[in-house]
C-alpha atoms as a PDB file:
ATOM      1  CA  UNK A   1      15.341  30.483  20.214  1.00  0.00           C
ATOM      2  CA  UNK A   2      15.886  29.242  16.708  1.00  0.00           C
ATOM      3  CA  UNK A   3      14.054  27.621  13.820  1.00  0.00           C
ATOM      4  CA  UNK A   4      15.529  24.343  12.596  1.00  0.00           C
ATOM      5  CA  UNK A   5      13.932  24.508   9.132  1.00  0.00           C
ATOM      6  CA  UNK A   6      17.066  23.837   7.064  1.00  0.00           C
ATOM      7  CA  UNK A   7      18.366  21.077   9.342  1.00  0.00           C
ATOM      8  CA  UNK A   8      14.893  19.418   9.348  1.00  0.00           C
ATOM      9  CA  UNK A   9      14.726  19.623   5.503  1.00  0.00           C
ATOM     10  CA  UNK A  10      18.075  17.813   5.249  1.00  0.00           C
ATOM     11  CA  UNK A  11      16.907  15.133   7.713  1.00  0.00           C
ATOM     12  CA  UNK A  12      13.631  14.751   5.800  1.00  0.00           C
ATOM     13  CA  UNK A  13      15.547  14.068   2.570  1.00  0.00           C
ATOM     14  CA  UNK A  14      17.651  11.445   4.363  1.00  0.00           C
ATOM     15  CA  UNK A  15      14.518   9.840   5.785  1.00  0.00           C
ATOM     16  CA  UNK A  16      12.644   9.579   2.469  1.00  0.00           C
ATOM     17  CA  UNK A  17      14.280   6.391   1.157  1.00  0.00           C
ATOM     18  CA  UNK A  18      13.517   4.461   4.389  1.00  0.00           C
ATOM     19  CA  UNK A  19       9.845   5.649   4.303  1.00  0.00           C
ATOM     20  CA  UNK A  20       9.483   4.667   0.614  1.00  0.00           C
ATOM     21  CA  UNK A  21      10.932   1.213   1.444  1.00  0.00           C
ATOM     22  CA  UNK A  22       8.302   0.685   4.156  1.00  0.00           C
ATOM     23  CA  UNK A  23       5.455   1.953   1.940  1.00  0.00           C
ATOM     24  CA  UNK A  24       6.455  -0.455  -0.846  1.00  0.00           C
ATOM     25  CA  UNK A  25       6.722  -3.298   1.648  1.00  0.00           C
ATOM     26  CA  UNK A  26       3.529  -2.762   3.681  1.00  0.00           C
ATOM     27  CA  UNK A  27       1.061  -0.820   1.451  1.00  0.00           C
ATOM     28  CA  UNK A  28       0.458  -3.840  -0.803  1.00  0.00           C
ATOM     29  CA  UNK A  29      -2.813  -2.574  -2.365  1.00  0.00           C
ATOM     30  CA  UNK A  30      -1.528   0.912  -3.197  1.00  0.00           C
ATOM     31  CA  UNK A  31       0.791   2.616  -5.581  1.00  0.00           C
ATOM     32  CA  UNK A  32       2.351   5.823  -4.310  1.00  0.00           C
ATOM     33  CA  UNK A  33       3.688   8.991  -5.855  1.00  0.00           C
ATOM     34  CA  UNK A  34       5.885  11.412  -3.994  1.00  0.00           C
ATOM     35  CA  UNK A  35       4.888  15.089  -4.335  1.00  0.00           C
ATOM     36  CA  UNK A  36       7.638  17.597  -5.201  1.00  0.00           C
ATOM     37  CA  UNK A  37       5.487  20.639  -5.933  1.00  0.00           C
ATOM     38  CA  UNK A  38       5.738  23.126  -3.036  1.00  0.00           C
ATOM     39  CA  UNK A  39       2.135  24.282  -3.598  1.00  0.00           C
ATOM     40  CA  UNK A  40       0.802  20.771  -3.030  1.00  0.00           C
ATOM     41  CA  UNK A  41       3.143  20.208   0.002  1.00  0.00           C
ATOM     42  CA  UNK A  42       1.718  23.411   1.488  1.00  0.00           C
ATOM     43  CA  UNK A  43      -1.738  21.877   1.068  1.00  0.00           C
ATOM     44  CA  UNK A  44      -0.612  18.985   3.299  1.00  0.00           C
ATOM     45  CA  UNK A  45       0.213  16.526   0.548  1.00  0.00           C
ATOM     46  CA  UNK A  46       3.569  14.737   0.668  1.00  0.00           C
ATOM     47  CA  UNK A  47       2.382  11.530  -0.965  1.00  0.00           C
ATOM     48  CA  UNK A  48      -0.485  10.516  -3.236  1.00  0.00           C
ATOM     49  CA  UNK A  49      -1.672   6.947  -2.573  1.00  0.00           C
ATOM     50  CA  UNK A  50      -3.745   5.191  -5.220  1.00  0.00           C
ATOM     51  CA  UNK A  51      -5.768   2.083  -4.455  1.00  0.00           C
ATOM     52  CA  UNK A  52      -4.811  -0.466  -7.159  1.00  0.00           C
ATOM     53  CA  UNK A  53      -8.277  -2.082  -7.338  1.00  0.00           C
ATOM     54  CA  UNK A  54     -10.551   0.973  -7.033  1.00  0.00           C
ATOM     55  CA  UNK A  55      -8.298   3.764  -8.375  1.00  0.00           C
ATOM     56  CA  UNK A  56      -9.294   5.951  -5.415  1.00  0.00           C
ATOM     57  CA  UNK A  57      -6.632   8.484  -4.412  1.00  0.00           C
ATOM     58  CA  UNK A  58      -5.699   9.552  -0.908  1.00  0.00           C
ATOM     59  CA  UNK A  59      -3.429  12.429   0.187  1.00  0.00           C
ATOM     60  CA  UNK A  60      -0.857  11.623   2.875  1.00  0.00           C
ATOM     61  CA  UNK A  61       0.986  14.204   4.985  1.00  0.00           C
ATOM     62  CA  UNK A  62       4.212  12.930   6.607  1.00  0.00           C
ATOM     63  CA  UNK A  63       5.000  14.209  10.091  1.00  0.00           C
ATOM     64  CA  UNK A  64       8.307  13.074  11.534  1.00  0.00           C
ATOM     65  CA  UNK A  65       9.776  13.436  15.036  1.00  0.00           C
ATOM     66  CA  UNK A  66      13.114  14.723  13.650  1.00  0.00           C
ATOM     67  CA  UNK A  67      13.992  16.455  16.955  1.00  0.00           C
ATOM     68  CA  UNK A  68      14.110  13.037  18.686  1.00  0.00           C
ATOM     69  CA  UNK A  69      16.501  10.836  16.727  1.00  0.00           C
ATOM     70  CA  UNK A  70      17.385   7.529  18.467  1.00  0.00           C
ATOM     71  CA  UNK A  71      14.519   8.056  20.975  1.00  0.00           C
ATOM     72  CA  UNK A  72      11.098   6.416  21.255  1.00  0.00           C
ATOM     73  CA  UNK A  73       8.327   8.738  22.407  1.00  0.00           C
ATOM     74  CA  UNK A  74       4.865   7.340  23.210  1.00  0.00           C
ATOM     75  CA  UNK A  75       3.178  10.583  22.043  1.00  0.00           C
ATOM     76  CA  UNK A  76       2.830  12.830  19.015  1.00  0.00           C
ATOM     77  CA  UNK A  77       2.317  16.598  18.757  1.00  0.00           C
ATOM     78  CA  UNK A  78      -0.587  17.853  16.671  1.00  0.00           C
ATOM     79  CA  UNK A  79      -0.113  21.537  15.832  1.00  0.00           C
ATOM     80  CA  UNK A  80      -3.040  23.778  16.718  1.00  0.00           C
ATOM     81  CA  UNK A  81      -1.549  27.311  16.475  1.00  0.00           C
ATOM     82  CA  UNK A  82       1.854  28.890  15.818  1.00  0.00           C
ATOM     83  CA  UNK A  83       3.348  32.286  15.201  1.00  0.00           C
ATOM     84  CA  UNK A  84       5.045  33.723  12.133  1.00  0.00           C
ATOM     85  CA  UNK A  85       6.567  37.205  12.287  1.00  0.00           C
ATOM     86  CA  UNK A  86       4.553  37.802  15.470  1.00  0.00           C
ATOM     87  CA  UNK A  87       1.247  36.883  13.840  1.00  0.00           C
ATOM     88  CA  UNK A  88      -0.748  33.944  15.086  1.00  0.00           C
ATOM     89  CA  UNK A  89      -1.400  31.308  12.383  1.00  0.00           C
ATOM     90  CA  UNK A  90      -3.551  28.236  12.115  1.00  0.00           C
ATOM     91  CA  UNK A  91      -1.735  24.951  12.857  1.00  0.00           C
ATOM     92  CA  UNK A  92      -2.026  22.030  10.435  1.00  0.00           C
ATOM     93  CA  UNK A  93      -4.558  19.911  12.378  1.00  0.00           C
ATOM     94  CA  UNK A  94      -7.551  22.196  11.854  1.00  0.00           C
ATOM     95  CA  UNK A  95      -6.320  24.179   8.810  1.00  0.00           C
ATOM     96  CA  UNK A  96      -9.122  24.064   6.224  1.00  0.00           C
ATOM     97  CA  UNK A  97      -6.686  24.791   3.427  1.00  0.00           C
ATOM     98  CA  UNK A  98      -5.017  21.423   3.953  1.00  0.00           C
ATOM     99  CA  UNK A  99      -6.275  18.595   1.737  1.00  0.00           C
ATOM    100  CA  UNK A 100      -4.773  15.866   3.889  1.00  0.00           C
ATOM    101  CA  UNK A 101      -6.743  12.598   4.230  1.00  0.00           C
ATOM    102  CA  UNK A 102      -4.148  10.763   6.373  1.00  0.00           C
ATOM    103  CA  UNK A 103      -1.129  11.626   8.467  1.00  0.00           C
ATOM    104  CA  UNK A 104       1.898   9.340   8.460  1.00  0.00           C
ATOM    105  CA  UNK A 105       3.334   9.850  11.966  1.00  0.00           C
ATOM    106  CA  UNK A 106       7.004   8.822  11.854  1.00  0.00           C
ATOM    107  CA  UNK A 107       8.397   8.054  15.311  1.00  0.00           C
ATOM    108  CA  UNK A 108      11.199   6.024  16.920  1.00  0.00           C
ATOM    109  CA  UNK A 109      13.589   7.145  14.167  1.00  0.00           C
ATOM    110  CA  UNK A 110      16.946   5.428  14.574  1.00  0.00           C
ATOM    111  CA  UNK A 111      20.251   6.220  12.869  1.00  0.00           C
ATOM    112  CA  UNK A 112      22.917   3.536  13.271  1.00  0.00           C
ATOM    113  CA  UNK A 113      25.073   4.979  10.501  1.00  0.00           C
ATOM    114  CA  UNK A 114      26.198   8.577   9.787  1.00  0.00           C
ATOM    115  CA  UNK A 115      23.667  10.483   7.667  1.00  0.00           C
ATOM    116  CA  UNK A 116      21.467   7.398   7.260  1.00  0.00           C
ATOM    117  CA  UNK A 117      18.252   6.419   9.021  1.00  0.00           C
ATOM    118  CA  UNK A 118      17.973   2.693   9.514  1.00  0.00           C
ATOM    119  CA  UNK A 119      14.562   2.133  11.172  1.00  0.00           C
ATOM    120  CA  UNK A 120      11.432   3.941  12.290  1.00  0.00           C
ATOM    121  CA  UNK A 121       7.787   3.400  13.196  1.00  0.00           C
ATOM    122  CA  UNK A 122       4.957   4.740  11.033  1.00  0.00           C
ATOM    123  CA  UNK A 123       1.435   5.253  12.414  1.00  0.00           C
ATOM    124  CA  UNK A 124      -1.253   6.138   9.845  1.00  0.00           C
ATOM    125  CA  UNK A 125      -3.941   8.477  11.222  1.00  0.00           C
ATOM    126  CA  UNK A 126      -7.236   9.219   9.540  1.00  0.00           C
ATOM    127  CA  UNK A 127      -7.468  13.018   9.855  1.00  0.00           C
ATOM    128  CA  UNK A 128     -11.251  13.322   9.486  1.00  0.00           C
ATOM    129  CA  UNK A 129     -11.915  10.551  12.027  1.00  0.00           C
ATOM    130  CA  UNK A 130      -9.512  12.128  14.519  1.00  0.00           C
ATOM    131  CA  UNK A 131     -11.185  15.576  14.262  1.00  0.00           C
ATOM    132  CA  UNK A 132     -14.618  13.943  14.601  1.00  0.00           C
ATOM    133  CA  UNK A 133     -13.531  12.013  17.665  1.00  0.00           C
ATOM    134  CA  UNK A 134     -12.098  15.152  19.269  1.00  0.00           C
ATOM    135  CA  UNK A 135     -15.355  17.004  18.526  1.00  0.00           C
ATOM    136  CA  UNK A 136     -17.423  14.278  20.227  1.00  0.00           C
ATOM    137  CA  UNK A 137     -15.222  14.604  23.302  1.00  0.00           C
ATOM    138  CA  UNK A 138     -15.895  18.346  23.404  1.00  0.00           C
ATOM    139  CA  UNK A 139     -12.445  19.173  22.006  1.00  0.00           C
ATOM    140  CA  UNK A 140     -13.551  21.165  18.988  1.00  0.00           C
ATOM    141  CA  UNK A 141     -11.321  23.728  17.298  1.00  0.00           C
ATOM    142  CA  UNK A 142     -13.327  26.531  18.888  1.00  0.00           C
ATOM    143  CA  UNK A 143     -13.042  25.028  22.392  1.00  0.00           C
ATOM    144  CA  UNK A 144      -9.318  24.341  22.144  1.00  0.00           C
ATOM    145  CA  UNK A 145      -8.606  27.898  20.768  1.00  0.00           C
ATOM    146  CA  UNK A 146     -10.583  29.392  23.648  1.00  0.00           C
ATOM    147  CA  UNK A 147      -8.482  27.427  26.170  1.00  0.00           C
ATOM    148  CA  UNK A 148      -5.294  28.584  24.391  1.00  0.00           C
ATOM    149  CA  UNK A 149      -6.457  32.240  24.518  1.00  0.00           C
ATOM    150  CA  UNK A 150      -7.275  31.907  28.210  1.00  0.00           C
ATOM    151  CA  UNK A 151      -3.801  30.583  28.902  1.00  0.00           C
ATOM    152  CA  UNK A 152      -1.853  32.940  26.663  1.00  0.00           C
ATOM    153  CA  UNK A 153       1.812  33.214  27.613  1.00  0.00           C
ATOM    154  CA  UNK A 154       1.882  29.832  29.374  1.00  0.00           C
ATOM    155  CA  UNK A 155       4.944  27.695  28.762  1.00  0.00           C
ATOM    156  CA  UNK A 156       4.751  23.968  29.187  1.00  0.00           C
ATOM    157  CA  UNK A 157       2.015  21.364  29.832  1.00  0.00           C
ATOM    158  CA  UNK A 158      -1.662  22.101  30.406  1.00  0.00           C
ATOM    159  CA  UNK A 159      -3.979  19.233  31.422  1.00  0.00           C
ATOM    160  CA  UNK A 160      -7.467  19.273  29.956  1.00  0.00           C
ATOM    161  CA  UNK A 161     -10.629  18.141  31.809  1.00  0.00           C
ATOM    162  CA  UNK A 162     -11.788  16.238  28.705  1.00  0.00           C
ATOM    163  CA  UNK A 163      -8.601  14.200  28.314  1.00  0.00           C
ATOM    164  CA  UNK A 164      -6.797  11.800  30.676  1.00  0.00           C
ATOM    165  CA  UNK A 165      -3.313  13.314  30.743  1.00  0.00           C
ATOM    166  CA  UNK A 166      -1.609  10.014  31.524  1.00  0.00           C
ATOM    167  CA  UNK A 167      -3.418   7.753  29.001  1.00  0.00           C
ATOM    168  CA  UNK A 168      -4.760  10.082  26.327  1.00  0.00           C
ATOM    169  CA  UNK A 169      -3.176  13.522  25.994  1.00  0.00           C
ATOM    170  CA  UNK A 170      -2.837  17.187  26.981  1.00  0.00           C
ATOM    171  CA  UNK A 171      -1.917  20.666  25.575  1.00  0.00           C
ATOM    172  CA  UNK A 172       1.618  21.858  25.382  1.00  0.00           C
ATOM    173  CA  UNK A 173       2.718  25.512  24.978  1.00  0.00           C
ATOM    174  CA  UNK A 174       6.254  26.171  23.602  1.00  0.00           C
ATOM    175  CA  UNK A 175       6.283  29.903  24.304  1.00  0.00           C
ATOM    176  CA  UNK A 176       9.926  30.215  25.386  1.00  0.00           C
ATOM    177  CA  UNK A 177      11.990  27.626  23.494  1.00  0.00           C
ATOM    178  CA  UNK A 178      10.722  27.836  19.865  1.00  0.00           C
ATOM    179  CA  UNK A 179      10.627  30.842  17.607  1.00  0.00           C
ATOM    180  CA  UNK A 180       7.216  29.755  16.156  1.00  0.00           C
ATOM    181  CA  UNK A 181       5.792  29.449  19.721  1.00  0.00           C
ATOM    182  CA  UNK A 182       3.587  26.513  18.710  1.00  0.00           C
ATOM    183  CA  UNK A 183       0.687  25.239  20.801  1.00  0.00           C
ATOM    184  CA  UNK A 184       0.291  21.494  20.301  1.00  0.00           C
ATOM    185  CA  UNK A 185      -2.243  18.874  21.270  1.00  0.00           C
ATOM    186  CA  UNK A 186      -0.107  16.025  22.510  1.00  0.00           C
ATOM    187  CA  UNK A 187      -1.788  12.649  21.999  1.00  0.00           C
ATOM    188  CA  UNK A 188      -0.590   9.136  22.875  1.00  0.00           C
ATOM    189  CA  UNK A 189      -0.058   6.885  19.880  1.00  0.00           C
ATOM    190  CA  UNK A 190      -1.659   3.880  21.587  1.00  0.00           C
ATOM    191  CA  UNK A 191      -4.696   6.035  22.382  1.00  0.00           C
ATOM    192  CA  UNK A 192      -5.103   6.931  18.711  1.00  0.00           C
ATOM    193  CA  UNK A 193      -5.047   3.224  17.857  1.00  0.00           C
ATOM    194  CA  UNK A 194      -7.414   2.332  20.731  1.00  0.00           C
ATOM    195  CA  UNK A 195     -10.100   4.777  19.547  1.00  0.00           C
ATOM    196  CA  UNK A 196      -9.893   3.463  15.977  1.00  0.00           C
ATOM    197  CA  UNK A 197      -8.516   6.558  14.197  1.00  0.00           C
ATOM    198  CA  UNK A 198      -5.007   5.171  13.608  1.00  0.00           C
ATOM    199  CA  UNK A 199      -3.189   2.007  12.586  1.00  0.00           C
ATOM    200  CA  UNK A 200       0.460   1.116  13.017  1.00  0.00           C
ATOM    201  CA  UNK A 201       2.004   0.399   9.636  1.00  0.00           C
ATOM    202  CA  UNK A 202       5.474  -0.590  10.948  1.00  0.00           C
END
């Protein structure tokens, strides 16, 4: 088991120019400012978007599938819980200390040249709308954490009664293969778009 923090950081830095190119191209009504302060990044802010006409600001948290370069996955993992030094911590989806308004889910990341990413998909997810939708389906933070506690030590996929595993999503426990032992809610990208909480940017 190992943590890929440094390798991921290097990949993130290589990915940034491509993401900025897409934001400039497709977010016509917004200016954007990249955040370099660690404190703000820890609050779930990688990018500050500003609406040109209203001046309203939105905080964007970039989440990239850096473990799956040159692959296209139909799903994305939303972190519910993880461990640090043996202590269980709150994952980013329900973490109240995060100020995130939107997630930029970066998938289908392709690298046709050494140390350069040449294309990717970006799906923008409204965090508040997603949490509200899950709550309406009975998948509140409290409910999900109870299910996780009841299945402590499980490794792998767990289907939920309230989600269609094939078309919507499921829980996934990484107890054996990752040092942080995250428990993620795996949701299909097309499902997020279907329920109106996400839009594909590119």
